[in-house]
Protein backbone atom coordinates (compact mmCIF):
# COMPACT_ATOMS: atom_id res chain seq x y z
CA UNK A 1 66.56 -7.32 -33.15
CA UNK A 2 66.54 -8.26 -36.43
CA UNK A 3 63.26 -10.21 -36.32
CA UNK A 4 61.95 -7.19 -34.54
CA UNK A 5 63.07 -5.07 -37.05
CA UNK A 6 61.91 -7.29 -40.01
CA UNK A 7 58.20 -7.33 -38.33
CA UNK A 8 58.51 -3.42 -38.60
CA UNK A 9 58.91 -3.30 -42.41
CA UNK A 10 56.09 -0.65 -43.39
CA UNK A 11 58.10 1.97 -41.57
CA UNK A 12 61.10 1.11 -43.66
CA UNK A 13 60.56 -0.58 -46.84
CA UNK A 14 59.88 2.94 -48.80
CA UNK A 15 63.41 4.14 -47.69
CA UNK A 16 64.99 0.93 -48.92
CA UNK A 17 62.90 1.42 -52.24
CA UNK A 18 64.20 5.12 -52.48
CA UNK A 19 68.11 3.77 -51.35
CA UNK A 20 67.52 1.02 -54.38
CA UNK A 21 66.03 3.58 -56.83
CA UNK A 22 68.97 6.03 -56.55
CA UNK A 23 71.57 3.36 -56.85
CA UNK A 24 70.07 1.95 -59.60
CA UNK A 25 69.87 5.65 -61.28
CA UNK A 26 73.76 5.88 -60.53
CA UNK A 27 74.39 2.73 -62.46
CA UNK A 28 72.33 3.39 -65.57
CA UNK A 29 73.97 6.94 -65.54
CA UNK A 30 77.43 4.98 -65.49
CA UNK A 31 76.19 3.06 -68.53
CA UNK A 32 74.93 6.36 -70.20
CA UNK A 33 78.20 7.80 -70.45
CA UNK A 34 79.84 4.43 -72.02
CA UNK A 35 80.67 2.38 -68.99
CA UNK A 36 81.16 -1.18 -69.30
CA UNK A 37 78.87 -4.11 -68.37
CA UNK A 38 75.67 -2.58 -69.56
CA UNK A 39 73.36 -5.62 -69.33
CA UNK A 40 70.70 -5.39 -72.06
CA UNK A 41 72.98 -5.26 -74.82
CA UNK A 42 73.04 -8.50 -76.77
CA UNK A 43 75.18 -9.28 -79.94
CA UNK A 44 73.44 -8.86 -83.49
CA UNK A 45 75.05 -12.27 -84.22
CA UNK A 46 73.37 -13.98 -81.53
CA UNK A 47 69.95 -15.92 -82.30
CA UNK A 48 68.69 -14.69 -79.08
CA UNK A 49 65.18 -14.97 -79.69
CA UNK A 50 63.54 -14.25 -76.57
CA UNK A 51 65.40 -11.50 -75.39
CA UNK A 52 64.10 -8.74 -72.98
CA UNK A 53 61.98 -6.23 -73.76
CA UNK A 54 64.26 -3.11 -72.63
CA UNK A 55 66.95 -5.21 -75.06
CA UNK A 56 65.19 -3.32 -78.06
CA UNK A 57 66.37 0.24 -77.11
CA UNK A 58 69.85 1.55 -77.49
CA UNK A 59 71.85 1.85 -74.57
CA UNK A 60 71.99 5.93 -74.43
CA UNK A 61 67.75 5.66 -74.93
CA UNK A 62 67.93 2.85 -72.02
CA UNK A 63 70.16 4.90 -69.80
CA UNK A 64 68.23 7.78 -69.89
CA UNK A 65 64.82 6.03 -69.45
CA UNK A 66 66.00 4.31 -66.40
CA UNK A 67 67.57 7.39 -64.83
CA UNK A 68 64.26 9.34 -65.11
CA UNK A 69 62.16 6.58 -63.83
CA UNK A 70 64.59 5.88 -61.00
CA UNK A 71 64.78 9.42 -59.95
CA UNK A 72 61.07 9.85 -60.29
CA UNK A 73 61.00 6.87 -57.83
CA UNK A 74 63.25 8.50 -55.35
CA UNK A 75 61.25 11.81 -55.66
CA UNK A 76 57.81 9.98 -54.82
CA UNK A 77 58.99 7.43 -52.65
CA UNK A 78 60.12 10.43 -50.16
CA UNK A 79 56.94 12.00 -50.44
CA UNK A 80 55.14 8.85 -49.69
CA UNK A 81 57.26 8.47 -46.40
CA UNK A 82 56.49 12.12 -45.73
CA UNK A 83 53.04 11.89 -43.28
CA UNK A 84 52.02 15.75 -43.82
CA UNK A 85 49.40 16.45 -46.67
CA UNK A 86 51.13 17.13 -50.24
CA UNK A 87 49.62 18.36 -53.58
CA UNK A 88 50.47 15.59 -55.36
CA UNK A 89 47.33 13.24 -55.96
CA UNK A 90 47.52 10.02 -53.97
CA UNK A 91 46.39 7.77 -56.86
CA UNK A 92 49.23 9.20 -58.73
CA UNK A 93 52.04 8.14 -55.90
CA UNK A 94 50.17 4.76 -55.67
CA UNK A 95 50.14 4.18 -59.51
CA UNK A 96 53.77 5.16 -60.03
CA UNK A 97 54.56 2.70 -57.34
CA UNK A 98 52.82 -0.20 -58.86
CA UNK A 99 53.59 0.54 -62.22
CA UNK A 100 57.17 1.00 -61.95
CA UNK A 101 57.15 -2.50 -59.97
CA UNK A 102 54.96 -4.16 -62.86
CA UNK A 103 57.78 -2.65 -65.58
CA UNK A 104 60.69 -3.94 -63.84
CA UNK A 105 58.90 -7.50 -63.93
CA UNK A 106 57.75 -7.44 -67.26
CA UNK A 107 60.17 -5.72 -69.46
CA UNK A 108 63.78 -6.42 -67.48
CA UNK A 109 63.88 -10.00 -67.33
CA UNK A 110 64.09 -12.79 -70.21
CA UNK A 111 63.27 -16.26 -70.35
CA UNK A 112 67.17 -17.01 -68.71
CA UNK A 113 65.78 -17.01 -65.08
CA UNK A 114 63.13 -19.74 -65.44
CA UNK A 115 65.23 -21.65 -67.48
CA UNK A 116 68.16 -21.56 -64.92
CA UNK A 117 65.62 -22.66 -62.42
CA UNK A 118 64.30 -25.60 -64.75
CA UNK A 119 67.68 -26.81 -65.65
CA UNK A 120 69.04 -26.93 -61.86
CA UNK A 121 67.04 -30.13 -61.80
CA UNK A 122 69.17 -31.40 -64.57
CA UNK A 123 72.00 -29.99 -62.66
CA UNK A 124 72.86 -27.59 -65.18
CA UNK A 125 73.05 -23.99 -63.78
CA UNK A 126 74.72 -21.37 -65.97
CA UNK A 127 74.84 -17.70 -64.30
CA UNK A 128 76.11 -14.35 -65.70
CA UNK A 129 75.77 -10.81 -65.14
CA UNK A 130 72.68 -10.27 -67.05
CA UNK A 131 70.73 -12.73 -64.87
CA UNK A 132 72.21 -10.88 -62.00
CA UNK A 133 70.93 -7.78 -63.20
CA UNK A 134 67.50 -9.30 -63.56
CA UNK A 135 67.17 -10.56 -60.28
CA UNK A 136 68.32 -6.66 -58.97
CA UNK A 137 65.33 -5.56 -60.97
CA UNK A 138 62.98 -7.95 -59.52
CA UNK A 139 64.20 -7.15 -55.70
CA UNK A 140 63.48 -3.57 -56.69
CA UNK A 141 59.95 -4.68 -57.99
CA UNK A 142 59.28 -6.26 -54.87
CA UNK A 143 60.61 -3.44 -52.63
CA UNK A 144 58.36 -0.89 -54.58
CA UNK A 145 55.33 -3.38 -54.44
CA UNK A 146 55.83 -3.53 -50.61
CA UNK A 147 56.14 0.55 -50.68
CA UNK A 148 52.97 0.65 -52.20
CA UNK A 149 51.15 -1.81 -50.06
CA UNK A 150 52.07 0.32 -47.25
CA UNK A 151 51.27 3.61 -48.31
CA UNK A 152 47.70 2.22 -49.09
CA UNK A 153 47.50 1.12 -46.02
CA UNK A 154 48.51 4.33 -44.12
CA UNK A 155 46.21 6.37 -46.50
CA UNK A 156 42.71 4.28 -45.87
CA UNK A 157 43.84 4.39 -41.78
CA UNK A 158 44.23 0.23 -41.85
CA UNK A 159 46.55 -1.34 -39.87
CA UNK A 160 50.10 -0.96 -41.60
CA UNK A 161 51.42 -4.18 -40.48
CA UNK A 162 48.05 -6.28 -41.47
CA UNK A 163 46.15 -4.16 -43.59
CA UNK A 164 43.16 -4.68 -41.71
CA UNK A 165 40.14 -2.09 -40.53
CA UNK A 166 37.64 -2.30 -37.95
CA UNK A 167 35.03 -2.82 -40.39
CA UNK A 168 36.84 -5.02 -42.92
CA UNK A 169 35.05 -8.07 -44.13
CA UNK A 170 36.78 -11.51 -45.50
CA UNK A 171 39.11 -10.04 -48.45
CA UNK A 172 38.46 -10.68 -51.83
CA UNK A 173 41.61 -12.42 -52.36
CA UNK A 174 40.52 -15.10 -50.16
CA UNK A 175 37.12 -15.41 -51.14
CA UNK A 176 38.76 -15.67 -55.03
CA UNK A 177 41.48 -18.20 -53.67
CA UNK A 178 39.99 -21.48 -54.98
CA UNK A 179 39.46 -19.98 -58.31
CA UNK A 180 42.93 -18.38 -58.63
CA UNK A 181 44.61 -21.65 -57.78
CA UNK A 182 42.67 -23.82 -60.03
CA UNK A 183 43.58 -21.53 -62.81
CA UNK A 184 47.19 -21.57 -61.76
CA UNK A 185 47.05 -25.48 -61.61
CA UNK A 186 45.79 -25.71 -64.88
CA UNK A 187 47.98 -23.62 -66.91
CA UNK A 188 50.84 -25.33 -67.03
CA UNK A 189 49.28 -28.08 -68.28
CA UNK A 190 49.49 -27.26 -72.31
CA UNK A 191 53.00 -26.70 -71.90
CA UNK A 192 53.42 -30.39 -69.94
CA UNK A 193 51.58 -32.38 -72.72
CA UNK A 194 53.56 -30.80 -75.64
CA UNK A 195 56.82 -31.76 -73.62
CA UNK A 196 55.34 -35.19 -72.77
CA UNK A 197 54.57 -35.66 -76.75
CA UNK A 198 57.80 -34.68 -77.84
CA UNK A 199 59.51 -37.13 -75.52
CA UNK A 200 57.14 -40.04 -77.19
CA UNK A 201 58.30 -38.66 -80.47
CA UNK A 202 55.10 -37.00 -81.00
CA UNK A 203 55.20 -34.18 -83.56
CA UNK A 204 52.38 -32.28 -81.34
CA UNK A 205 52.21 -28.79 -82.62
CA UNK A 206 55.41 -29.45 -84.87
CA UNK A 207 56.44 -30.90 -87.77
CA UNK A 208 58.23 -34.62 -87.99
CA UNK A 209 61.16 -33.22 -89.34
CA UNK A 210 61.82 -30.48 -86.77
CA UNK A 211 61.11 -33.11 -83.93
CA UNK A 212 63.82 -35.32 -85.65
CA UNK A 213 66.29 -32.45 -86.26
CA UNK A 214 65.70 -31.04 -82.65
CA UNK A 215 66.49 -34.18 -81.26
CA UNK A 216 69.57 -34.83 -83.13
CA UNK A 217 70.84 -31.46 -82.21
CA UNK A 218 70.34 -32.02 -78.60
CA UNK A 219 71.00 -35.66 -77.41
CA UNK A 220 69.57 -35.25 -74.19
CA UNK A 221 66.35 -33.97 -75.70
CA UNK A 222 64.27 -36.70 -74.35
CA UNK A 223 65.43 -36.71 -71.03
CA UNK A 224 64.67 -32.91 -71.10
CA UNK A 225 61.41 -33.24 -72.07
CA UNK A 226 60.30 -35.64 -69.51
CA UNK A 227 62.10 -33.42 -67.00
CA UNK A 228 60.55 -30.41 -67.94
CA UNK A 229 57.17 -32.37 -68.30
CA UNK A 230 57.13 -33.61 -64.91
CA UNK A 231 58.66 -30.17 -63.21
CA UNK A 232 54.94 -28.47 -64.72
CA UNK A 233 52.85 -31.50 -63.49
CA UNK A 234 54.51 -31.59 -60.30
CA UNK A 235 54.23 -27.68 -59.69
CA UNK A 236 50.62 -27.99 -60.63
CA UNK A 237 50.41 -30.65 -58.03
CA UNK A 238 52.05 -28.41 -55.25
CA UNK A 239 49.84 -25.51 -56.63
CA UNK A 240 46.84 -27.22 -55.28
CA UNK A 241 48.25 -27.43 -51.69
CA UNK A 242 47.64 -23.97 -51.62
CA UNK A 243 43.68 -24.72 -51.04
CA UNK A 244 44.00 -28.26 -49.58
CA UNK A 245 44.39 -29.29 -45.91
CA UNK A 246 48.04 -31.27 -46.73
CA UNK A 247 49.07 -27.56 -47.65
CA UNK A 248 48.43 -26.41 -44.18
CA UNK A 249 49.40 -29.68 -42.31
CA UNK A 250 52.19 -31.98 -43.23
CA UNK A 251 50.74 -35.34 -44.10
CA UNK A 252 51.18 -37.76 -40.75
CA UNK A 253 53.24 -40.08 -42.94
CA UNK A 254 56.29 -37.14 -43.47
CA UNK A 255 58.94 -38.10 -41.50
CA UNK A 256 59.91 -35.96 -38.39
CA UNK A 257 57.34 -33.27 -39.45
CA UNK A 258 54.06 -35.09 -39.98
CA UNK A 259 50.98 -33.63 -38.44
CA UNK A 260 52.74 -30.38 -37.91
CA UNK A 261 51.83 -26.91 -39.46
CA UNK A 262 53.20 -25.77 -42.77
CA UNK A 263 55.17 -22.71 -41.95
CA UNK A 264 53.19 -19.94 -44.01
CA UNK A 265 56.09 -18.72 -45.88
CA UNK A 266 57.33 -22.47 -46.85
CA UNK A 267 54.66 -22.22 -49.13
CA UNK A 268 54.40 -18.62 -50.24
CA UNK A 269 58.26 -17.63 -50.80
CA UNK A 270 58.38 -20.47 -53.52
CA UNK A 271 55.49 -19.85 -54.83
CA UNK A 272 55.85 -16.22 -55.23
CA UNK A 273 59.57 -16.69 -56.84
CA UNK A 274 57.98 -19.03 -59.59
CA UNK A 275 55.29 -16.91 -60.26
CA UNK A 276 57.65 -13.86 -60.90
CA UNK A 277 59.81 -15.80 -63.06
CA UNK A 278 57.02 -17.54 -64.99
CA UNK A 279 55.06 -14.35 -65.30
CA UNK A 280 58.53 -12.59 -66.79
CA UNK A 281 59.33 -15.28 -69.33
CA UNK A 282 55.71 -15.84 -70.35
CA UNK A 283 55.36 -12.01 -71.12
CA UNK A 284 58.47 -12.37 -73.56
CA UNK A 285 57.30 -15.75 -75.65
CA UNK A 286 53.67 -13.97 -75.87
CA UNK A 287 55.09 -10.81 -76.97
CA UNK A 288 56.98 -12.82 -79.60
CA UNK A 289 54.53 -15.25 -80.55
CA UNK A 290 52.04 -12.42 -81.07
CA UNK A 291 54.46 -10.04 -83.01
CA UNK A 292 55.02 -13.16 -85.53
CA UNK A 293 51.33 -14.38 -85.41
CA UNK A 294 50.11 -10.87 -86.71
CA UNK A 295 53.25 -10.40 -89.06
CA UNK A 296 54.56 -7.62 -87.19
CA UNK A 297 58.08 -9.38 -87.39
CA UNK A 298 59.68 -12.35 -89.27
CA UNK A 299 62.29 -14.56 -88.39
CA UNK A 300 64.31 -17.33 -89.90
CA UNK A 301 64.50 -19.65 -86.87
CA UNK A 302 63.48 -23.40 -87.12
CA UNK A 303 62.06 -22.65 -84.05
CA UNK A 304 59.91 -19.76 -84.44
CA UNK A 305 59.14 -21.52 -87.70
CA UNK A 306 57.11 -24.23 -85.66
CA UNK A 307 55.30 -21.34 -83.78
CA UNK A 308 52.25 -23.13 -82.37
CA UNK A 309 53.86 -25.99 -80.95
CA UNK A 310 57.12 -24.51 -79.84
CA UNK A 311 55.91 -21.25 -78.52
CA UNK A 312 52.11 -21.57 -78.18
CA UNK A 313 51.87 -23.38 -75.07
CA UNK A 314 54.11 -20.83 -73.19
CA UNK A 315 51.45 -18.17 -74.11
CA UNK A 316 49.72 -19.55 -71.05
CA UNK A 317 52.54 -18.93 -68.82
CA UNK A 318 51.35 -15.00 -68.04
CA UNK A 319 48.20 -16.22 -66.41
CA UNK A 320 50.15 -19.19 -64.98
CA UNK A 321 52.61 -16.67 -63.07
CA UNK A 322 49.76 -13.99 -62.47
CA UNK A 323 47.54 -16.29 -60.70
CA UNK A 324 50.17 -18.41 -58.79
CA UNK A 325 51.10 -14.90 -57.33
CA UNK A 326 47.15 -14.18 -56.37
CA UNK A 327 47.10 -18.00 -55.03
CA UNK A 328 49.88 -17.52 -52.83
CA UNK A 329 48.53 -14.17 -51.55
CA UNK A 330 45.31 -15.36 -50.86
CA UNK A 331 47.13 -18.62 -49.05
CA UNK A 332 48.95 -16.11 -46.79
CA UNK A 333 45.67 -13.89 -46.05
CA UNK A 334 43.74 -17.12 -45.23
CA UNK A 335 46.17 -18.53 -42.76
CA UNK A 336 47.43 -15.32 -41.06
CA UNK A 337 46.52 -15.28 -37.38
CA UNK A 338 45.81 -12.27 -35.36
CA UNK A 339 47.58 -9.06 -35.97
CA UNK A 340 50.30 -8.55 -32.89
CA UNK A 341 49.99 -5.01 -33.54
CA UNK A 342 46.41 -4.23 -33.79
CA UNK A 343 44.96 -7.40 -32.12
CA UNK A 344 42.57 -7.49 -35.31
CA UNK A 345 41.75 -10.92 -37.03
CA UNK A 346 39.21 -13.64 -35.96
CA UNK A 347 37.76 -16.91 -37.68
CA UNK A 348 34.99 -16.04 -39.72
CA UNK A 349 33.24 -19.41 -41.32
CA UNK A 350 32.40 -19.45 -44.95
CA UNK A 351 30.57 -21.98 -47.18
CA UNK A 352 32.45 -24.76 -47.54
CA UNK A 353 34.36 -25.34 -50.53
CA UNK A 354 33.94 -27.45 -53.40
CA UNK A 355 37.56 -28.41 -52.78
CA UNK A 356 37.99 -31.49 -50.53
CA UNK A 357 39.94 -30.86 -47.68
CA UNK A 358 39.87 -27.16 -47.44
CA UNK A 359 39.18 -25.68 -44.01
CA UNK A 360 35.73 -24.27 -43.53
CA UNK A 361 36.74 -21.13 -42.12
CA UNK A 362 39.06 -18.02 -43.21
CA UNK A 363 40.98 -15.86 -41.06
CA UNK A 364 40.84 -12.12 -41.59
């Protein structure tokens, strides 16, 4: 029953997005009237260098803003579920859905989510309400993205389950999948190189004094640098699996599962999670980097005084996250089979990929 319900997601996802918006509007209305637990407020004494964009707004302003946006989401979301024609332009409904979703990803999370994911590999993990709220917002963003996808499929008379039409050719995502994946694999390498250099006591992008002080303040600094560097390199290698044969069929030397097909979602879901976290953190880093480089703001922080080495490599995180997400989408569309609802989808031969090991066909 649950599996059948999940497969019918285009019919109920919009209502879930509306319910999420209504509940989150209620939370911000509570905070607007002075309720405890407002998640975007930071103490001025804290040296919170990379706060989420929304923390720059007062609690009352942030509350009003979210209540308005969420209630608009409820209004537009209900209209999108109505099959009758409405006077509101379709482009406005689609644009608001995507805009709301992207805003929830870029302006709400800070660097804590990606930091928690990275430090988990060092068996360190801290969780608080601020991070919980960021996860809630990312879930809301995913709901609104899927709502927009389902609505766009409906208004162009495509299958709401797979998005295919009778005249559709190979999707652009599939044709560009190789390029997306290569960019996503290269983007984290500047950060990895910097971390490896620091681990080897090479002050790449920073002063020798900074590196010495940084190592003194954190006794495990060298171990951390090696770990973060290898995480990026490992992630880069796994990303290439999205266009390699071993990303579709487990190598035969794998115990128990060697030679079996890789479940599509086993690759797509982790890639999507990392893509969202990296994009959100990268946006915060890029904003801080540009604001300091262009002298819009100033700081006395020792880290940001070494701007190009300490923060510069993270400017590549936004393209890393964006193209990783696009790569995951391309991987999904390439490997999906026949639609069980409309029966569309067939193997179409394409020119051989320059990447050794990738299949010579895609599924549309």
